[in-house]
Amino acid sequence: MKKINRLISPYSESFFLLGPRGTGKSTWLKDCYRDATVVDLLKPDVFRTLQSRPESLADIVKGNAQAKCFVIDEVQKVPEVLSVVHSLIEEHLGLQFVLTGSSARKIKRTGADLLAGRAIRKTMHPFIASELGEDFSLEEALKYGMLPVVFGSKKKDTVLSAYIDLYLREEIQQEGLVRTLSPFARFLESASFSHGSQLVSSAIARDCGVGRTTVDGYLKILFDLMIASTLPVFLKRAKRSMATTAKFYFFDTGVFRTLRPKGPLDRPEEIDGAALEGLVFQHLKACLDYSGRRDSLYCWRTSEGKEVDFVVYDDKDFLAIEVKNAAKLDSKDFSGLKSFAADYPEARTVLLYRGDVQYMHGNILVVPVGRYLSALSPEEPFPDVNWRR
């Protein structure tokens, strides 16, 4: 696979680089921090040494006196080394530590709390369209997602299945996060029906035949491993009775498709619609994270069922985005955005669809979804494409 320049920016101070496996953390680090000394905790001998004596990290640092940057890969494997990193930073030795991980679970349990603010947090996401440029294909992305480990493969279905199995075996079972895999595997299938929808853990529990507290524990595992997240409801200055249940998304469309069961009663357009909404979500989330605007994304849904898929709200933007998996639109497709605009006339409104023509519908900008995704970037997460009011 040819080199693809990622849009996440390097940093000169110590930082955490978190993200699910296969998102390209190691590749990016090798490119941006070529002179760094790497401490890879996936290597059995390195893992055993630091697990038995976390303080031996200081010996590694002293033994590489010429090095100014140290990459500790998969730090959650031995989170106790964070206290050593903390001490080394406190010594003001002018060293930079880049701490990568695919799970925040063990890091949180150590009480390190991301080194008490001494190291910022960055998140690596799957590819976004603007990183791929002309190699971006909307149809391919909807079918296989945007994971780098999948993108460069000729057998994408096989790699996606193996990716799910890897997480079940290595991240779930070997780490002792669940007693047995079968109930968790059923939970993953059931949770896939909530992708792009309100998350109701009691409904998932009934479907899986387990208790609600078990499902809540399973969901926490997904969130800690960063392979799923929720989207809160926008409630600022609410003028209507609002639903308050968050929406749920897997972090990558290909992962969602692989987990989602298909049968005679499943309508393809329903799965395709959820996949498209999820693809937009992962692009928006990545661009916001890369631009340092982590907590700016919401959904909007009234108790009466009026809804908008995404709301961006911070000191830089106030924007409502609706996603439709259709090439032709009718009046009802605009009803959610019109309701939102009635309550929040300050907001810009955008509808993304599968058609080819960009136009204005009243004050709503209608944009082909592929064009909009290709225009998104951390520098300009929400471009004004020929905006007219």
Protein backbone atom coordinates (compact mmCIF):
# COMPACT_ATOMS: atom_id res chain seq x y z
CA MET A 1 0.00 0.00 0.00
CA LYS A 2 1.35 3.43 -0.90
CA LYS A 3 2.16 5.89 1.85
CA ILE A 4 -0.82 7.91 3.04
CA ASN A 5 -0.17 11.09 4.99
CA ARG A 6 -2.34 11.22 8.10
CA LEU A 7 -3.90 14.50 9.20
CA ILE A 8 -3.22 14.05 12.90
CA SER A 9 -0.48 16.52 13.88
CA PRO A 10 2.76 15.51 15.66
CA TYR A 11 3.40 17.01 19.10
CA SER A 12 6.63 18.12 20.73
CA GLU A 13 5.69 17.29 24.35
CA SER A 14 4.83 13.94 25.95
CA PHE A 15 1.43 12.59 24.94
CA PHE A 16 -0.84 9.57 24.85
CA LEU A 17 -1.75 8.25 21.41
CA LEU A 18 -4.83 6.09 21.90
CA GLY A 19 -7.01 4.30 19.39
CA PRO A 20 -8.27 0.87 18.42
CA ARG A 21 -5.87 -1.61 16.89
CA GLY A 22 -5.37 -1.32 13.15
CA THR A 23 -5.89 2.44 12.96
CA GLY A 24 -2.24 3.06 12.03
CA LYS A 25 -0.69 4.32 15.27
CA SER A 26 2.60 2.45 14.87
CA THR A 27 2.97 3.38 11.19
CA TRP A 28 2.37 7.06 11.93
CA LEU A 29 4.86 7.04 14.80
CA LYS A 30 7.57 5.42 12.68
CA ASP A 31 7.08 8.17 10.11
CA CYS A 32 6.90 11.12 12.52
CA TYR A 33 9.32 9.97 15.24
CA ARG A 34 11.98 8.12 13.29
CA ASP A 35 14.73 8.68 15.86
CA ALA A 36 12.64 7.53 18.83
CA THR A 37 13.63 4.56 20.98
CA VAL A 38 10.70 2.10 20.90
CA VAL A 39 9.72 0.00 23.92
CA ASP A 40 7.23 -2.48 22.43
CA LEU A 41 5.15 -4.19 25.13
CA LEU A 42 3.74 -6.61 22.57
CA LYS A 43 7.17 -8.27 22.49
CA PRO A 44 7.14 -11.10 25.08
CA ASP A 45 10.62 -10.43 26.48
CA VAL A 46 10.01 -6.69 26.88
CA PHE A 47 6.62 -7.35 28.44
CA ARG A 48 8.02 -9.86 30.97
CA THR A 49 10.84 -7.52 31.97
CA LEU A 50 8.64 -4.49 32.60
CA GLN A 51 5.80 -6.48 34.13
CA SER A 52 8.11 -7.92 36.77
CA ARG A 53 10.10 -4.70 37.27
CA PRO A 54 8.36 -1.58 35.90
CA GLU A 55 11.19 0.53 37.28
CA SER A 56 13.53 -1.07 34.73
CA LEU A 57 12.10 1.45 32.24
CA ALA A 58 14.40 3.99 33.89
CA ASP A 59 17.34 1.70 33.11
CA ILE A 60 16.28 1.59 29.45
CA VAL A 61 16.15 5.38 29.36
CA LYS A 62 19.57 5.71 31.00
CA GLY A 63 20.99 3.11 28.62
CA ASN A 64 19.90 5.21 25.63
CA ALA A 65 21.38 8.51 26.73
CA GLN A 66 21.45 9.86 23.17
CA ALA A 67 17.70 9.40 22.72
CA LYS A 68 15.33 12.30 23.39
CA CYS A 69 12.06 10.53 22.51
CA PHE A 70 10.77 7.20 23.80
CA VAL A 71 7.74 5.44 22.34
CA ILE A 72 6.11 2.97 24.73
CA ASP A 73 3.83 0.85 22.56
CA GLU A 74 0.62 -0.66 24.02
CA VAL A 75 1.24 0.88 27.44
CA GLN A 76 -1.98 -0.62 28.83
CA LYS A 77 -0.19 -3.99 28.92
CA VAL A 78 1.92 -2.76 31.86
CA PRO A 79 0.22 0.43 33.10
CA GLU A 80 2.49 0.47 36.16
CA VAL A 81 5.25 1.96 33.98
CA LEU A 82 3.27 5.21 33.93
CA SER A 83 4.47 6.04 37.43
CA VAL A 84 8.04 5.64 36.17
CA VAL A 85 7.29 7.87 33.18
CA HIS A 86 5.80 10.41 35.56
CA SER A 87 8.99 10.42 37.65
CA LEU A 88 11.19 10.81 34.59
CA ILE A 89 9.12 13.75 33.35
CA GLU A 90 9.35 15.32 36.82
CA GLU A 91 13.16 15.12 36.64
CA HIS A 92 13.05 17.64 33.76
CA LEU A 93 15.45 15.65 31.61
CA GLY A 94 14.07 17.15 28.40
CA LEU A 95 12.66 13.79 27.31
CA GLN A 96 9.51 13.17 25.32
CA PHE A 97 7.37 10.09 25.94
CA VAL A 98 4.80 8.92 23.42
CA LEU A 99 2.51 6.38 25.06
CA THR A 100 0.34 4.34 22.72
CA GLY A 101 -2.58 2.15 23.66
CA SER A 102 -5.68 0.42 22.35
CA SER A 103 -7.45 0.44 25.72
CA ALA A 104 -7.85 3.09 28.39
CA ARG A 105 -9.23 0.53 30.86
CA LYS A 106 -6.05 -0.48 32.68
CA ILE A 107 -4.60 3.00 32.42
CA LYS A 108 -7.57 4.37 34.35
CA ARG A 109 -7.32 1.63 36.98
CA THR A 110 -3.74 2.59 37.89
CA GLY A 111 -4.94 5.99 39.05
CA ALA A 112 -2.46 7.61 36.68
CA ASP A 113 -5.33 9.65 35.20
CA LEU A 114 -3.31 10.30 32.05
CA LEU A 115 -0.25 11.36 34.11
CA ALA A 116 -2.23 13.99 36.02
CA GLY A 117 -2.38 16.25 32.98
CA ARG A 118 1.35 16.09 32.23
CA ALA A 119 0.69 14.32 28.94
CA ILE A 120 -2.07 15.33 26.57
CA ARG A 121 -4.28 12.78 24.85
CA LYS A 122 -4.53 12.28 21.11
CA THR A 123 -6.74 9.72 19.40
CA MET A 124 -5.99 7.92 16.14
CA HIS A 125 -9.05 7.20 14.01
CA PRO A 126 -9.55 5.18 10.83
CA PHE A 127 -8.73 6.94 7.57
CA ILE A 128 -10.81 9.93 6.54
CA ALA A 129 -11.63 10.72 2.92
CA SER A 130 -9.36 13.76 2.66
CA GLU A 131 -6.37 11.62 3.68
CA LEU A 132 -7.08 9.20 0.84
CA GLY A 133 -7.73 11.85 -1.80
CA GLU A 134 -8.50 10.26 -5.17
CA ASP A 135 -8.25 6.80 -3.62
CA PHE A 136 -11.38 7.43 -1.57
CA SER A 137 -14.41 5.47 -2.76
CA LEU A 138 -17.72 6.06 -1.02
CA GLU A 139 -19.05 2.65 -2.04
CA GLU A 140 -15.92 0.86 -0.79
CA ALA A 141 -15.99 2.83 2.46
CA LEU A 142 -19.65 1.96 3.07
CA LYS A 143 -18.95 -1.72 2.51
CA TYR A 144 -15.57 -2.20 4.18
CA GLY A 145 -15.02 0.86 6.35
CA MET A 146 -11.86 2.95 6.61
CA LEU A 147 -9.48 0.93 8.78
CA PRO A 148 -5.91 1.14 7.39
CA VAL A 149 -5.34 -2.54 8.13
CA VAL A 150 -8.33 -3.33 5.88
CA PHE A 151 -7.89 -0.63 3.24
CA GLY A 152 -4.66 -2.06 1.85
CA SER A 153 -5.88 -5.66 1.71
CA LYS A 154 -7.15 -7.56 -1.32
CA LYS A 155 -9.30 -9.76 0.94
CA LYS A 156 -11.13 -7.14 2.93
CA ASP A 157 -13.96 -9.40 4.16
CA THR A 158 -11.45 -11.90 5.52
CA VAL A 159 -9.37 -9.21 7.22
CA LEU A 160 -12.44 -7.66 8.85
CA SER A 161 -13.56 -11.03 10.24
CA ALA A 162 -10.04 -11.69 11.52
CA TYR A 163 -10.00 -8.22 13.09
CA ILE A 164 -13.14 -8.98 15.11
CA ASP A 165 -11.69 -12.34 16.16
CA LEU A 166 -8.46 -10.61 17.22
CA TYR A 167 -10.34 -8.34 19.57
CA LEU A 168 -12.39 -11.21 20.97
CA ARG A 169 -9.31 -13.33 21.63
CA GLU A 170 -6.57 -10.89 22.57
CA GLU A 171 -8.33 -7.85 23.99
CA ILE A 172 -11.34 -9.52 25.59
CA GLN A 173 -10.48 -13.09 26.51
CA GLN A 174 -6.76 -12.89 27.25
CA GLU A 175 -7.21 -9.77 29.36
CA GLY A 176 -9.91 -11.55 31.37
CA LEU A 177 -12.54 -8.90 30.66
CA VAL A 178 -15.31 -11.52 30.35
CA ARG A 179 -15.64 -15.05 31.70
CA THR A 180 -16.73 -16.65 28.44
CA LEU A 181 -16.82 -15.31 24.90
CA SER A 182 -20.17 -16.70 23.73
CA PRO A 183 -22.43 -14.24 25.62
CA PHE A 184 -20.17 -11.35 24.64
CA ALA A 185 -20.25 -12.39 20.98
CA ARG A 186 -24.08 -12.46 21.11
CA PHE A 187 -24.00 -9.03 22.75
CA LEU A 188 -21.85 -7.63 19.90
CA GLU A 189 -24.39 -8.85 17.33
CA SER A 190 -27.29 -7.40 19.30
CA ALA A 191 -25.49 -4.09 19.83
CA SER A 192 -24.97 -3.78 16.07
CA PHE A 193 -28.73 -3.20 15.70
CA SER A 194 -28.30 -0.03 17.80
CA HIS A 195 -25.65 1.44 15.49
CA GLY A 196 -26.91 4.91 14.61
CA SER A 197 -29.84 4.59 17.01
CA GLN A 198 -30.71 5.31 20.61
CA LEU A 199 -28.92 2.93 22.95
CA VAL A 200 -31.31 1.03 25.22
CA SER A 201 -29.31 -1.46 27.27
CA SER A 202 -32.43 -3.16 28.68
CA ALA A 203 -33.53 -4.09 25.13
CA ILE A 204 -30.10 -5.50 24.34
CA ALA A 205 -30.20 -7.49 27.59
CA ARG A 206 -33.55 -9.06 26.65
CA ASP A 207 -32.24 -9.94 23.20
CA CYS A 208 -29.08 -11.54 24.61
CA GLY A 209 -30.76 -13.29 27.54
CA VAL A 210 -28.46 -11.68 30.13
CA GLY A 211 -28.96 -9.14 32.90
CA ARG A 212 -28.89 -5.42 32.27
CA THR A 213 -25.90 -4.96 34.56
CA THR A 214 -24.02 -7.49 32.42
CA VAL A 215 -24.84 -5.50 29.28
CA ASP A 216 -23.76 -2.28 30.97
CA GLY A 217 -20.46 -3.96 31.78
CA TYR A 218 -20.08 -5.15 28.19
CA LEU A 219 -20.77 -1.64 26.90
CA LYS A 220 -18.11 -0.23 29.20
CA ILE A 221 -15.63 -2.67 27.66
CA LEU A 222 -16.49 -1.39 24.17
CA PHE A 223 -16.07 2.21 25.27
CA ASP A 224 -12.78 1.53 27.08
CA LEU A 225 -11.43 -0.26 24.01
CA MET A 226 -12.59 2.70 21.88
CA ILE A 227 -14.42 0.45 19.42
CA ALA A 228 -17.74 2.13 20.18
CA SER A 229 -18.96 5.44 21.57
CA THR A 230 -22.16 7.31 22.29
CA LEU A 231 -23.41 10.67 21.06
CA PRO A 232 -25.22 12.84 23.63
CA VAL A 233 -28.40 14.76 22.90
CA PHE A 234 -28.09 18.52 22.33
CA LEU A 235 -30.17 20.12 25.09
CA LYS A 236 -28.96 23.72 25.21
CA ARG A 237 -31.82 26.24 25.39
CA ALA A 238 -34.29 23.46 24.54
CA LYS A 239 -37.74 24.75 23.55
CA ARG A 240 -39.40 21.34 23.29
CA SER A 241 -39.67 18.17 25.32
CA MET A 242 -36.50 16.30 24.42
CA ALA A 243 -35.48 12.67 24.33
CA THR A 244 -32.34 12.21 26.44
CA THR A 245 -31.07 8.77 25.41
CA ALA A 246 -27.72 8.94 23.61
CA LYS A 247 -27.10 7.40 20.20
CA PHE A 248 -24.63 4.54 19.77
CA TYR A 249 -22.00 3.98 17.07
CA PHE A 250 -19.24 1.52 16.37
CA PHE A 251 -16.05 3.35 15.46
CA ASP A 252 -15.88 2.02 11.89
CA THR A 253 -18.49 1.17 9.28
CA GLY A 254 -16.68 -2.00 8.22
CA VAL A 255 -16.69 -3.29 11.79
CA PHE A 256 -20.41 -2.53 12.06
CA ARG A 257 -21.15 -4.37 8.80
CA THR A 258 -19.14 -7.39 9.91
CA LEU A 259 -20.97 -7.62 13.23
CA ARG A 260 -24.46 -6.92 11.86
CA PRO A 261 -26.35 -10.18 11.19
CA LYS A 262 -28.19 -10.41 7.88
CA GLY A 263 -31.24 -12.52 7.17
CA PRO A 264 -34.55 -12.68 5.27
CA LEU A 265 -36.16 -10.15 7.63
CA ASP A 266 -33.34 -7.60 7.36
CA ARG A 267 -33.92 -4.86 4.80
CA PRO A 268 -30.69 -3.94 2.95
CA GLU A 269 -31.65 -0.27 2.85
CA GLU A 270 -31.92 -0.23 6.65
CA ILE A 271 -28.38 -1.57 7.03
CA ASP A 272 -27.10 0.75 4.28
CA GLY A 273 -28.66 3.77 5.97
CA ALA A 274 -27.04 2.94 9.30
CA ALA A 275 -23.71 2.37 7.54
CA LEU A 276 -23.87 5.78 5.81
CA GLU A 277 -24.75 7.60 9.02
CA GLY A 278 -21.94 5.81 10.82
CA LEU A 279 -19.47 6.74 8.09
CA VAL A 280 -20.37 10.42 8.47
CA PHE A 281 -20.11 10.08 12.26
CA GLN A 282 -16.59 8.64 12.18
CA HIS A 283 -15.45 11.42 9.82
CA LEU A 284 -16.92 14.18 11.99
CA LYS A 285 -15.51 12.65 15.15
CA ALA A 286 -12.03 12.26 13.65
CA CYS A 287 -11.92 15.82 12.32
CA LEU A 288 -13.10 17.25 15.64
CA ASP A 289 -10.56 15.21 17.62
CA TYR A 290 -7.69 16.11 15.29
CA SER A 291 -8.56 19.80 15.51
CA GLY A 292 -8.77 19.73 19.33
CA ARG A 293 -12.55 20.11 19.48
CA ARG A 294 -13.29 16.78 21.15
CA ASP A 295 -16.58 17.54 22.94
CA SER A 296 -18.47 19.43 20.25
CA LEU A 297 -20.63 16.75 18.62
CA TYR A 298 -24.24 15.92 19.53
CA CYS A 299 -27.48 14.54 18.14
CA TRP A 300 -30.95 16.10 18.49
CA ARG A 301 -34.25 14.33 19.04
CA THR A 302 -37.54 15.58 20.45
CA SER A 303 -39.97 13.47 22.44
CA GLU A 304 -42.30 13.72 19.42
CA GLY A 305 -39.71 12.07 17.17
CA LYS A 306 -38.30 15.06 15.30
CA GLU A 307 -34.57 14.51 14.94
CA VAL A 308 -31.32 15.66 13.40
CA ASP A 309 -28.44 13.22 13.09
CA PHE A 310 -25.59 15.54 14.12
CA VAL A 311 -25.23 18.90 15.80
CA VAL A 312 -21.86 20.63 16.08
CA TYR A 313 -21.80 23.24 18.81
CA ASP A 314 -18.80 25.13 20.19
CA ASP A 315 -17.24 28.57 19.99
CA LYS A 316 -16.38 28.02 16.31
CA ASP A 317 -19.47 26.40 14.79
CA PHE A 318 -23.17 25.87 15.24
CA LEU A 319 -24.22 23.41 12.59
CA ALA A 320 -26.96 20.80 12.13
CA ILE A 321 -26.38 17.90 9.73
CA GLU A 322 -28.93 15.37 8.50
CA VAL A 323 -27.88 12.27 6.52
CA LYS A 324 -30.19 10.58 3.99
CA ASN A 325 -29.35 7.38 2.14
CA ALA A 326 -31.33 8.44 -0.92
CA ALA A 327 -30.53 9.95 -4.31
CA LYS A 328 -33.88 11.78 -4.48
CA LEU A 329 -35.38 13.79 -1.66
CA ASP A 330 -38.90 14.84 -0.80
CA SER A 331 -40.33 17.34 1.67
CA LYS A 332 -40.40 14.97 4.66
CA ASP A 333 -36.63 14.51 4.41
CA PHE A 334 -36.18 18.13 5.49
CA SER A 335 -38.63 18.14 8.41
CA GLY A 336 -36.05 17.49 11.14
CA LEU A 337 -33.72 20.26 9.99
CA LYS A 338 -36.63 22.68 9.62
CA SER A 339 -37.76 21.94 13.19
CA PHE A 340 -34.24 22.45 14.45
CA ALA A 341 -33.88 25.71 12.51
CA ALA A 342 -37.15 26.95 13.97
CA ASP A 343 -35.73 26.48 17.47
CA TYR A 344 -32.19 27.58 16.59
CA PRO A 345 -32.26 30.11 13.73
CA GLU A 346 -28.58 30.89 14.45
CA ALA A 347 -27.51 27.44 13.22
CA ARG A 348 -26.44 26.52 9.71
CA THR A 349 -28.23 23.48 8.31
CA VAL A 350 -26.89 20.84 5.92
CA LEU A 351 -28.46 17.75 4.40
CA LEU A 352 -26.12 15.07 3.00
CA TYR A 353 -27.56 12.67 0.44
CA ARG A 354 -26.61 10.14 -2.22
CA GLY A 355 -27.43 12.36 -5.19
CA ASP A 356 -24.98 14.22 -7.44
CA VAL A 357 -26.27 17.81 -7.39
CA GLN A 358 -25.53 20.43 -4.74
CA TYR A 359 -28.30 22.98 -4.22
CA MET A 360 -30.18 25.09 -1.68
CA HIS A 361 -33.55 24.02 -0.30
CA GLY A 362 -34.64 27.21 1.40
CA ASN A 363 -31.89 27.84 3.96
CA ILE A 364 -30.75 24.20 3.92
CA LEU A 365 -27.60 23.38 1.97
CA VAL A 366 -27.98 20.01 0.20
CA VAL A 367 -24.65 18.35 -0.59
CA PRO A 368 -23.68 14.96 -2.08
CA VAL A 369 -22.29 13.03 0.87
CA GLY A 370 -19.11 11.89 -0.90
CA ARG A 371 -18.26 15.47 -1.82
CA TYR A 372 -18.79 16.66 1.72
CA LEU A 373 -16.69 13.90 3.29
CA SER A 374 -13.86 14.60 0.86
CA ALA A 375 -13.91 18.28 1.87
CA LEU A 376 -13.71 17.62 5.61
CA SER A 377 -10.36 18.18 7.29
CA PRO A 378 -9.08 19.12 10.77
CA GLU A 379 -8.20 22.60 9.49
CA GLU A 380 -11.75 23.09 8.19
CA PRO A 381 -14.01 20.46 9.74
CA PHE A 382 -17.18 21.97 8.32
CA PRO A 383 -16.45 23.72 5.04
CA ASP A 384 -18.83 26.29 3.63
CA VAL A 385 -19.38 24.84 0.17
CA ASN A 386 -20.89 27.70 -1.82
CA TRP A 387 -22.97 28.63 1.23
CA ARG A 388 -25.94 30.89 0.66
CA ARG A 389 -28.37 32.26 3.25
